[in-house]
Amino acid sequence: MIRLVLYIVVSLLAAAGAVFVISLPGSVTIEVMGYRLQPALGAAVAALILVVLVAIAGWAVIRRILAVPRVLRRRSALGQKQLGIDALSGSFVALQAGDAHRARILAQEAQARLPDNTAAKLLEARADLALGDLTAARDHYRALITNPQTAVAALSGLYEQARAQGRGAAALTFARKARDLSPALVWAREALFDDMIARKAWDEALAATGDDPAASRADKLARRRKRAVLNTAMAAEAEATDPATALEHALAALKLVPDFVPAALISARIHIDRGEGRKAQSLLRRVFRTTGHPHAALLYAHAHPGASAVERLKKIRDLVPGEPDNVDTAEVLARAAIDAFDWVLARSALAPFAESSPRQGVCVLMAEIEEGQNADQGKAREWLSRAVKAPPDPAWAADGLALEDWQPVSPVSGRFDAFEWRVPAGADRAAGMPTPPLADTTLAKAEPVAQMSPTVALPPAREAGAGPA
């Protein structure tokens, strides 16, 4: 509505202006080649305006005609560019689909149509690498390194090529250069971190993780976990030779991850060696109540060297005042009760878990109870035979291994922080070392703790010297 009103107003003003011009008084004298014209002033002005408009329209037509070759060239260039973009996208799709041969052909076509496009060159290099043409791929990548826009991508390709060829030193060189160009580059940081882990350069890895980007809460938790594992690895390495440094690293790990059991066990053993049983018990009590880990309870019971089996049972009862609510706690309580010859308590602790599908630890402990309480060798052998086919107890398991002690790196895959405390799968059990239930190898690394009173019998699993730590 507003536009219509404006159109009417403008039209009226234009008409009024035209009438005003035509009605101007006076005349104009024009002499051309002996001819004299004397039109009215208004008509002369109108004629002049008309001539100007005709000239403008004519010049516009001439410009269009003169611009035709340039427009045709531009349209041809746009068509070539679109064909190049189509070839570029087709090459990327083919590469993702695993058709490296077609990807290389389309990448070459894209380069022909888009000579200055670096993405086409990069796709051709990727296709060469996928096809196994390592020489051509290396030549393409080295040409792309000189371009700041493609240097990091080229270094990534060279890194992958070096790894495929088994040239570890060259791969690390490319990763370092990429990290220098882009410090936040994830693959370069991980490559260098994996190298540090393989060399067991825990201090270098710990320093490197301090600069890890952590945008989200999950990233921050992952970084804290990584630093805790590194500190624990350093603590485990120094526990036998430098207990003070080991304790410092173990406590640093617990500050990052308060319920990290391996760090807690190392800290507690060192406290016990120093005669600081109360500190060890306080730490182990907190970790056990958070995680329910049986080794924390076992070490808690042995926090004071020379304590009798009855005293150790009292300490376990402090941790487990009522009926155990899970099989791990039941095995801990039963182990302490057997050592103290409290057969009734040991049997009642295991009873809820011995009825259907008991696991190996329960079977072995029930065999000890039958032999110790009733001297029934037949039932003891029956329980031991059931233990052979029973589900295994939890252990530190990873990559098909079930080991006695926690390790920061898997010896099979080299994966960092791979071991978990869990029930091993069948492959784990077959490939790893058998782990008797609730063995006290958590105490083996602390000699003063292992020297119990001569009148107190050690748990049979510990005397065998095997079990999870």
Protein backbone atom coordinates (compact mmCIF):
# COMPACT_ATOMS: atom_id res chain seq x y z
CA MET A 1 0.00 0.00 0.00
CA ILE A 2 2.79 2.40 0.88
CA ARG A 3 4.59 1.61 -2.39
CA LEU A 4 1.42 2.32 -4.39
CA VAL A 5 0.99 5.67 -2.70
CA LEU A 6 4.64 6.55 -3.34
CA TYR A 7 4.32 5.52 -7.00
CA ILE A 8 1.27 7.75 -7.47
CA VAL A 9 2.96 10.71 -5.78
CA VAL A 10 6.13 10.33 -7.86
CA SER A 11 4.09 10.02 -11.08
CA LEU A 12 2.12 13.18 -10.29
CA LEU A 13 5.32 15.09 -9.50
CA ALA A 14 6.91 13.93 -12.78
CA ALA A 15 3.84 14.93 -14.77
CA ALA A 16 3.73 18.31 -13.05
CA GLY A 17 7.43 18.81 -13.83
CA ALA A 18 6.92 17.93 -17.48
CA VAL A 19 3.97 20.34 -17.79
CA PHE A 20 6.01 23.04 -16.10
CA VAL A 21 8.95 22.57 -18.49
CA ILE A 22 6.76 22.54 -21.60
CA SER A 23 4.89 25.64 -20.49
CA LEU A 24 8.02 27.71 -19.89
CA PRO A 25 7.77 31.03 -21.79
CA GLY A 26 10.34 32.02 -24.39
CA SER A 27 12.03 30.32 -27.32
CA VAL A 28 15.39 28.99 -28.37
CA THR A 29 17.14 29.80 -31.66
CA ILE A 30 19.16 27.01 -33.26
CA GLU A 31 21.08 27.49 -36.52
CA VAL A 32 22.45 24.37 -38.25
CA MET A 33 23.81 24.37 -41.86
CA GLY A 34 21.82 27.46 -42.84
CA TYR A 35 18.67 26.29 -41.15
CA ARG A 36 17.21 28.20 -38.26
CA LEU A 37 14.98 26.61 -35.69
CA GLN A 38 13.10 28.50 -33.01
CA PRO A 39 11.32 25.94 -30.82
CA ALA A 40 9.69 26.90 -27.59
CA LEU A 41 11.93 26.77 -24.55
CA GLY A 42 9.98 23.88 -22.98
CA ALA A 43 10.06 21.81 -26.15
CA ALA A 44 13.82 22.38 -26.51
CA VAL A 45 14.45 21.18 -22.95
CA ALA A 46 12.26 18.10 -23.47
CA ALA A 47 14.08 17.31 -26.71
CA LEU A 48 17.45 17.62 -24.97
CA ILE A 49 16.37 15.24 -22.21
CA LEU A 50 15.15 12.74 -24.82
CA VAL A 51 18.47 12.90 -26.68
CA VAL A 52 20.41 12.25 -23.47
CA LEU A 53 18.25 9.24 -22.65
CA VAL A 54 18.65 7.82 -26.15
CA ALA A 55 22.44 8.25 -25.92
CA ILE A 56 22.57 6.46 -22.58
CA ALA A 57 20.51 3.55 -23.92
CA GLY A 58 22.65 3.28 -27.03
CA TRP A 59 25.88 3.24 -25.03
CA ALA A 60 24.48 0.47 -22.81
CA VAL A 61 23.73 -1.66 -25.86
CA ILE A 62 27.22 -1.07 -27.28
CA ARG A 63 28.82 -2.04 -23.95
CA ARG A 64 26.87 -5.28 -23.88
CA ILE A 65 28.03 -6.16 -27.35
CA LEU A 66 31.66 -5.38 -26.52
CA ALA A 67 31.48 -7.46 -23.27
CA VAL A 68 30.25 -10.63 -24.96
CA PRO A 69 33.74 -12.25 -25.37
CA ARG A 70 34.64 -11.52 -21.76
CA VAL A 71 31.33 -12.94 -20.50
CA LEU A 72 31.81 -16.09 -22.57
CA ARG A 73 35.32 -16.54 -21.17
CA ARG A 74 34.05 -16.05 -17.64
CA ARG A 75 31.25 -18.56 -18.12
CA SER A 76 33.72 -21.07 -19.50
CA ALA A 77 36.02 -20.54 -16.52
CA LEU A 78 33.12 -20.97 -14.10
CA GLY A 79 32.16 -24.15 -15.88
CA GLN A 80 35.72 -25.48 -15.61
CA LYS A 81 35.80 -24.51 -11.94
CA GLN A 82 32.53 -26.32 -11.26
CA LEU A 83 33.81 -29.41 -13.06
CA GLY A 84 36.98 -29.21 -10.99
CA ILE A 85 34.99 -28.92 -7.77
CA ASP A 86 32.87 -31.90 -8.80
CA ALA A 87 36.01 -33.92 -9.52
CA LEU A 88 37.47 -32.84 -6.17
CA SER A 89 34.41 -33.93 -4.22
CA GLY A 90 34.22 -37.16 -6.21
CA SER A 91 37.85 -37.90 -5.39
CA PHE A 92 37.21 -37.36 -1.69
CA VAL A 93 34.14 -39.60 -1.73
CA ALA A 94 36.00 -42.32 -3.64
CA LEU A 95 38.89 -42.17 -1.19
CA GLN A 96 36.52 -42.51 1.77
CA ALA A 97 34.81 -45.41 0.01
CA GLY A 98 38.12 -47.21 -0.44
CA ASP A 99 38.35 -46.78 -4.24
CA ALA A 100 41.84 -45.28 -4.25
CA HIS A 101 42.35 -45.78 -8.02
CA ARG A 102 39.29 -43.71 -8.94
CA ALA A 103 40.21 -41.19 -6.26
CA ARG A 104 43.60 -40.62 -7.88
CA ILE A 105 42.08 -40.20 -11.38
CA LEU A 106 39.55 -37.67 -10.12
CA ALA A 107 42.23 -35.85 -8.12
CA GLN A 108 44.36 -35.51 -11.25
CA GLU A 109 41.35 -34.22 -13.16
CA ALA A 110 40.66 -31.71 -10.39
CA GLN A 111 44.27 -30.51 -10.58
CA ALA A 112 43.98 -30.02 -14.34
CA ARG A 113 40.88 -27.88 -13.92
CA LEU A 114 42.00 -26.20 -10.67
CA PRO A 115 45.77 -25.71 -10.99
CA ASP A 116 46.06 -23.62 -7.81
CA ASN A 117 43.92 -25.86 -5.61
CA THR A 118 46.10 -27.54 -2.98
CA ALA A 119 43.32 -29.87 -1.84
CA ALA A 120 43.47 -31.71 -5.16
CA LYS A 121 47.20 -32.27 -4.75
CA LEU A 122 46.69 -33.50 -1.22
CA LEU A 123 43.97 -35.93 -2.32
CA GLU A 124 46.24 -37.32 -5.02
CA ALA A 125 48.96 -37.88 -2.43
CA ARG A 126 46.48 -39.64 -0.15
CA ALA A 127 45.33 -41.83 -3.04
CA ASP A 128 48.95 -42.71 -3.86
CA LEU A 129 49.50 -43.68 -0.25
CA ALA A 130 46.37 -45.83 -0.25
CA LEU A 131 47.48 -47.55 -3.45
CA GLY A 132 50.91 -48.30 -2.00
CA ASP A 133 52.73 -45.99 -4.39
CA LEU A 134 54.93 -44.66 -1.61
CA THR A 135 57.45 -42.95 -3.87
CA ALA A 136 54.81 -40.85 -5.63
CA ALA A 137 53.08 -40.10 -2.33
CA ARG A 138 56.35 -38.94 -0.76
CA ASP A 139 57.08 -36.66 -3.72
CA HIS A 140 53.63 -35.09 -3.51
CA TYR A 141 53.84 -34.59 0.24
CA ARG A 142 57.31 -33.04 0.08
CA ALA A 143 56.05 -30.58 -2.53
CA LEU A 144 53.16 -29.64 -0.22
CA ILE A 145 55.38 -29.02 2.82
CA THR A 146 56.57 -25.70 1.38
CA ASN A 147 53.02 -24.35 1.40
CA PRO A 148 52.04 -23.09 4.89
CA GLN A 149 48.41 -24.02 4.21
CA THR A 150 49.21 -27.68 3.51
CA ALA A 151 52.37 -28.24 5.54
CA VAL A 152 50.62 -29.88 8.51
CA ALA A 153 48.51 -32.13 6.26
CA ALA A 154 51.62 -33.11 4.29
CA LEU A 155 53.48 -33.95 7.50
CA SER A 156 50.52 -36.09 8.57
CA GLY A 157 50.75 -38.04 5.33
CA LEU A 158 54.50 -38.44 5.62
CA TYR A 159 54.04 -39.64 9.19
CA GLU A 160 51.56 -42.30 8.10
CA GLN A 161 53.86 -43.33 5.25
CA ALA A 162 56.85 -43.65 7.58
CA ARG A 163 54.82 -45.77 9.99
CA ALA A 164 53.65 -48.00 7.13
CA GLN A 165 57.28 -48.51 6.12
CA GLY A 166 58.39 -49.20 9.69
CA ARG A 167 60.57 -46.08 9.87
CA GLY A 168 59.81 -45.09 13.44
CA ALA A 169 62.50 -42.43 13.76
CA ALA A 170 61.33 -40.66 10.61
CA ALA A 171 57.71 -40.82 11.76
CA LEU A 172 58.63 -39.16 15.05
CA THR A 173 60.55 -36.46 13.18
CA PHE A 174 57.45 -35.63 11.13
CA ALA A 175 55.29 -35.65 14.27
CA ARG A 176 57.66 -33.20 16.01
CA LYS A 177 57.62 -30.84 13.02
CA ALA A 178 53.83 -30.97 12.92
CA ARG A 179 53.61 -30.25 16.64
CA ASP A 180 55.94 -27.27 16.24
CA LEU A 181 53.69 -25.89 13.50
CA SER A 182 50.46 -26.65 15.36
CA PRO A 183 50.94 -27.38 19.10
CA ALA A 184 47.30 -28.41 19.55
CA LEU A 185 47.49 -31.10 16.86
CA VAL A 186 46.07 -34.26 18.45
CA TRP A 187 47.76 -36.93 16.30
CA ALA A 188 51.21 -35.37 16.69
CA ARG A 189 50.85 -35.09 20.47
CA GLU A 190 49.64 -38.70 20.71
CA ALA A 191 52.49 -39.95 18.51
CA LEU A 192 55.11 -38.26 20.67
CA PHE A 193 53.34 -39.38 23.86
CA ASP A 194 53.29 -43.00 22.66
CA ASP A 195 57.02 -42.78 21.97
CA MET A 196 57.66 -41.52 25.50
CA ILE A 197 55.56 -44.34 26.92
CA ALA A 198 57.41 -46.93 24.83
CA ARG A 199 60.71 -45.58 26.19
CA LYS A 200 59.24 -45.45 29.73
CA ALA A 201 60.18 -41.78 29.85
CA TRP A 202 57.49 -41.12 32.44
CA ASP A 203 58.84 -37.71 33.44
CA GLU A 204 58.83 -36.47 29.83
CA ALA A 205 55.32 -37.78 29.31
CA LEU A 206 54.14 -36.13 32.53
CA ALA A 207 55.58 -32.79 31.44
CA ALA A 208 53.99 -33.17 28.01
CA THR A 209 50.52 -33.86 29.39
CA GLY A 210 50.58 -30.56 31.26
CA ASP A 211 49.97 -28.78 27.95
CA ASP A 212 47.18 -31.06 26.73
CA PRO A 213 44.14 -29.02 25.64
CA ALA A 214 41.06 -29.68 27.75
CA ALA A 215 38.01 -27.92 26.38
CA SER A 216 35.38 -30.05 28.09
CA ARG A 217 34.98 -31.61 31.51
CA ALA A 218 35.57 -35.06 30.00
CA ASP A 219 38.87 -33.86 28.55
CA LYS A 220 39.93 -32.52 31.94
CA LEU A 221 39.08 -35.81 33.65
CA ALA A 222 40.99 -37.75 30.99
CA ARG A 223 44.03 -35.54 31.47
CA ARG A 224 43.89 -35.99 35.26
CA ARG A 225 43.64 -39.75 34.81
CA LYS A 226 46.60 -39.79 32.42
CA ARG A 227 48.73 -37.77 34.82
CA ALA A 228 47.70 -40.01 37.73
CA VAL A 229 48.76 -43.15 35.84
CA LEU A 230 52.09 -41.55 34.93
CA ASN A 231 52.75 -40.58 38.54
CA THR A 232 51.87 -44.10 39.65
CA ALA A 233 54.22 -45.59 37.07
CA MET A 234 57.03 -43.41 38.40
CA ALA A 235 56.13 -44.39 41.96
CA ALA A 236 56.16 -48.11 41.14
CA GLU A 237 59.55 -47.76 39.45
CA ALA A 238 61.08 -45.91 42.41
CA GLU A 239 59.42 -47.80 45.27
CA ALA A 240 62.27 -50.22 45.86
CA THR A 241 65.16 -47.77 45.42
CA ASP A 242 63.81 -44.34 46.39
CA PRO A 243 60.74 -44.66 48.65
CA ALA A 244 60.55 -40.92 49.34
CA THR A 245 60.26 -40.05 45.66
CA ALA A 246 57.89 -42.95 45.12
CA LEU A 247 55.62 -41.73 47.91
CA GLU A 248 55.64 -38.22 46.48
CA HIS A 249 54.51 -39.47 43.08
CA ALA A 250 51.92 -41.85 44.53
CA LEU A 251 50.35 -39.09 46.63
CA ALA A 252 50.36 -36.81 43.58
CA ALA A 253 48.44 -39.51 41.71
CA LEU A 254 45.91 -39.77 44.53
CA LYS A 255 45.36 -36.02 44.46
CA LEU A 256 44.43 -36.33 40.81
CA VAL A 257 42.37 -39.53 41.14
CA PRO A 258 41.58 -40.11 44.84
CA ASP A 259 40.41 -43.72 44.40
CA PHE A 260 43.23 -44.98 42.15
CA VAL A 261 44.02 -48.32 43.79
CA PRO A 262 47.59 -48.93 42.48
CA ALA A 263 48.74 -45.55 43.79
CA ALA A 264 47.00 -46.15 47.10
CA LEU A 265 48.68 -49.52 47.56
CA ILE A 266 52.12 -48.08 46.84
CA SER A 267 51.56 -45.20 49.26
CA ALA A 268 50.30 -47.53 51.97
CA ARG A 269 53.23 -49.93 51.62
CA ILE A 270 55.72 -47.08 51.96
CA HIS A 271 53.89 -45.72 55.01
CA ILE A 272 53.97 -49.18 56.57
CA ASP A 273 57.70 -49.52 55.89
CA ARG A 274 58.19 -46.21 57.69
CA GLY A 275 56.19 -47.39 60.68
CA GLU A 276 53.32 -45.06 59.82
CA GLY A 277 50.60 -47.68 60.12
CA ARG A 278 47.88 -45.18 61.03
CA LYS A 279 48.46 -43.16 57.86
CA ALA A 280 48.38 -46.33 55.79
CA GLN A 281 45.15 -47.48 57.44
CA SER A 282 43.47 -44.12 56.98
CA LEU A 283 44.35 -44.11 53.30
CA LEU A 284 43.36 -47.73 52.71
CA ARG A 285 40.10 -47.36 54.60
CA ARG A 286 39.06 -44.46 52.38
CA VAL A 287 40.03 -46.28 49.18
CA PHE A 288 38.30 -49.50 50.22
CA ARG A 289 35.07 -47.73 51.08
CA THR A 290 35.15 -46.01 47.71
CA THR A 291 36.19 -48.93 45.51
CA GLY A 292 35.68 -52.09 47.57
CA HIS A 293 39.01 -53.36 46.24
CA PRO A 294 40.03 -56.50 48.18
CA HIS A 295 43.76 -55.73 48.13
CA ALA A 296 43.16 -52.48 49.96
CA ALA A 297 41.43 -54.48 52.71
CA LEU A 298 44.21 -57.09 52.87
CA LEU A 299 46.91 -54.46 53.17
CA TYR A 300 44.80 -52.63 55.77
CA ALA A 301 44.78 -55.81 57.88
CA HIS A 302 48.59 -56.08 57.64
CA ALA A 303 49.26 -52.39 58.33
CA HIS A 304 50.99 -53.21 61.63
CA PRO A 305 53.80 -55.78 61.28
CA GLY A 306 53.66 -58.56 63.82
CA ALA A 307 49.88 -58.37 64.30
CA SER A 308 48.30 -61.73 65.04
CA ALA A 309 45.66 -63.32 62.83
CA VAL A 310 42.99 -62.46 65.38
CA GLU A 311 44.05 -58.82 65.34
CA ARG A 312 43.98 -58.80 61.57
CA LEU A 313 40.46 -60.22 61.63
CA LYS A 314 39.38 -57.43 63.97
CA LYS A 315 40.71 -54.88 61.51
CA ILE A 316 38.80 -56.50 58.68
CA ARG A 317 35.67 -56.40 60.81
CA ASP A 318 36.26 -52.67 61.22
CA LEU A 319 36.05 -52.37 57.45
CA VAL A 320 33.19 -54.90 57.10
CA PRO A 321 31.12 -54.55 60.28
CA GLY A 322 28.06 -56.39 58.97
CA GLU A 323 27.32 -59.09 56.44
CA PRO A 324 29.38 -58.67 53.25
CA ASP A 325 27.25 -57.37 50.40
CA ASN A 326 29.44 -58.65 47.55
CA VAL A 327 31.68 -61.61 46.82
CA ASP A 328 34.92 -59.60 46.94
CA THR A 329 34.23 -58.41 50.47
CA ALA A 330 33.08 -61.91 51.45
CA GLU A 331 36.39 -63.40 50.28
CA VAL A 332 38.38 -60.78 52.22
CA LEU A 333 36.44 -61.49 55.40
CA ALA A 334 36.65 -65.27 54.90
CA ARG A 335 40.41 -65.10 54.29
CA ALA A 336 40.96 -63.24 57.56
CA ALA A 337 38.60 -65.56 59.44
CA ILE A 338 40.37 -68.69 58.14
CA ASP A 339 43.74 -67.28 59.23
CA ALA A 340 42.23 -66.74 62.71
CA PHE A 341 40.65 -70.24 62.70
CA ASP A 342 37.18 -68.70 62.96
CA TRP A 343 35.60 -71.31 60.71
CA VAL A 344 32.01 -70.35 61.52
CA LEU A 345 32.52 -66.75 60.46
CA ALA A 346 34.39 -67.79 57.34
CA ARG A 347 31.63 -70.21 56.30
CA SER A 348 28.83 -67.73 56.99
CA ALA A 349 30.62 -65.03 55.01
CA LEU A 350 30.88 -67.28 51.94
CA ALA A 351 27.55 -69.04 52.29
CA PRO A 352 25.47 -66.61 50.15
CA PHE A 353 28.01 -66.85 47.32
CA ALA A 354 28.80 -70.57 47.48
CA GLU A 355 25.36 -71.89 46.59
CA SER A 356 25.14 -71.28 42.85
CA SER A 357 28.01 -70.83 40.38
CA PRO A 358 30.69 -69.91 42.94
CA ARG A 359 33.85 -68.45 41.49
CA GLN A 360 37.34 -69.86 41.97
CA GLY A 361 38.20 -67.86 45.06
CA VAL A 362 35.08 -69.00 46.87
CA CYS A 363 35.74 -72.64 45.94
CA VAL A 364 39.34 -72.55 47.17
CA LEU A 365 38.37 -70.89 50.45
CA MET A 366 35.54 -73.37 50.99
CA ALA A 367 38.06 -76.19 50.48
CA GLU A 368 40.25 -74.68 53.19
CA ILE A 369 37.24 -74.43 55.50
CA GLU A 370 36.23 -78.05 54.94
CA GLU A 371 39.76 -79.25 55.58
CA GLY A 372 40.45 -76.97 58.55
CA GLN A 373 37.10 -77.16 60.33
CA ASN A 374 35.98 -80.72 59.60
CA ALA A 375 39.18 -82.36 58.33
CA ASP A 376 37.03 -83.58 55.46
CA GLN A 377 39.49 -84.27 52.67
CA GLY A 378 36.73 -85.51 50.36
CA LYS A 379 34.73 -82.31 50.46
CA ALA A 380 37.90 -80.27 50.21
CA ARG A 381 38.90 -82.13 47.02
CA GLU A 382 35.36 -81.67 45.71
CA TRP A 383 35.59 -77.92 46.17
CA LEU A 384 39.01 -77.85 44.53
CA SER A 385 37.71 -79.76 41.54
CA ARG A 386 34.88 -77.24 41.22
CA ALA A 387 37.44 -74.44 41.32
CA VAL A 388 39.05 -75.73 38.13
CA LYS A 389 35.93 -74.98 36.07
CA ALA A 390 34.59 -72.10 38.14
CA PRO A 391 34.53 -68.49 36.89
CA PRO A 392 37.81 -66.72 37.67
CA ASP A 393 38.34 -64.07 40.29
CA PRO A 394 39.04 -60.46 39.26
CA ALA A 395 42.58 -59.62 38.18
CA TRP A 396 44.45 -56.89 36.35
CA ALA A 397 43.41 -57.77 32.81
CA ALA A 398 44.09 -56.25 29.39
CA ASP A 399 44.67 -57.40 25.80
CA GLY A 400 44.22 -61.08 26.57
CA LEU A 401 46.38 -61.06 29.71
CA ALA A 402 45.52 -61.47 33.37
CA LEU A 403 48.56 -60.43 35.41
CA GLU A 404 49.41 -60.46 39.08
CA ASP A 405 50.43 -56.80 39.29
CA TRP A 406 49.05 -53.63 37.77
CA GLN A 407 51.17 -52.21 34.97
CA PRO A 408 50.91 -48.80 33.31
CA VAL A 409 51.38 -50.21 29.79
CA SER A 410 50.12 -53.39 28.17
CA PRO A 411 53.07 -55.62 27.17
CA VAL A 412 51.02 -56.94 24.24
CA SER A 413 49.81 -53.81 22.47
CA GLY A 414 51.85 -51.12 24.21
CA ARG A 415 48.57 -49.41 25.09
CA PHE A 416 48.83 -46.93 27.94
CA ASP A 417 46.56 -47.39 30.98
CA ALA A 418 45.17 -50.61 29.55
CA PHE A 419 44.85 -52.75 32.68
CA GLU A 420 41.57 -52.86 34.54
CA TRP A 421 40.55 -54.68 37.67
CA ARG A 422 37.89 -57.02 36.33
CA VAL A 423 36.97 -60.64 35.85
CA PRO A 424 39.19 -61.86 33.01
CA ALA A 425 37.61 -63.24 29.89
CA GLY A 426 38.43 -66.76 28.72
CA ALA A 427 41.21 -65.48 26.47
CA ASP A 428 42.65 -63.43 29.30
CA ARG A 429 42.73 -66.40 31.60
CA ALA A 430 44.36 -68.63 29.02
CA ALA A 431 47.03 -66.15 28.00
CA GLY A 432 47.82 -64.65 31.38
CA MET A 433 49.18 -66.07 34.58
CA PRO A 434 46.71 -67.90 36.82
CA THR A 435 45.88 -65.79 39.85
CA PRO A 436 44.85 -67.63 43.03
CA PRO A 437 42.14 -65.85 45.02
CA LEU A 438 43.06 -63.05 47.37
CA ALA A 439 46.79 -63.64 47.38
CA ASP A 440 48.74 -61.21 49.50
CA THR A 441 51.25 -60.18 46.86
CA THR A 442 50.30 -56.62 47.68
CA LEU A 443 52.61 -57.09 50.63
CA ALA A 444 55.49 -58.70 48.79
CA LYS A 445 57.07 -55.39 47.81
CA ALA A 446 57.29 -54.23 51.41
CA GLU A 447 59.63 -56.58 53.25
CA PRO A 448 59.00 -55.29 56.79
CA VAL A 449 55.28 -55.92 56.30
CA ALA A 450 55.86 -59.46 55.08
CA GLN A 451 57.73 -60.39 58.26
CA MET A 452 54.78 -61.49 60.35
CA SER A 453 54.89 -63.11 63.75
CA PRO A 454 56.37 -66.64 63.60
CA THR A 455 53.38 -67.99 65.48
CA VAL A 456 50.90 -66.74 62.91
CA ALA A 457 50.35 -68.77 59.74
CA LEU A 458 50.39 -66.79 56.55
CA PRO A 459 47.50 -67.22 54.10
CA PRO A 460 48.17 -70.23 51.86
CA ALA A 461 47.82 -68.15 48.69
CA ARG A 462 50.54 -65.82 49.90
CA GLU A 463 52.85 -68.68 50.77
CA ALA A 464 52.48 -69.85 47.21
CA GLY A 465 53.70 -66.44 46.10
CA ALA A 466 51.10 -65.93 43.41
CA GLY A 467 48.06 -63.72 43.13
CA PRO A 468 46.92 -60.33 41.99
CA ALA A 469 48.58 -57.29 43.43
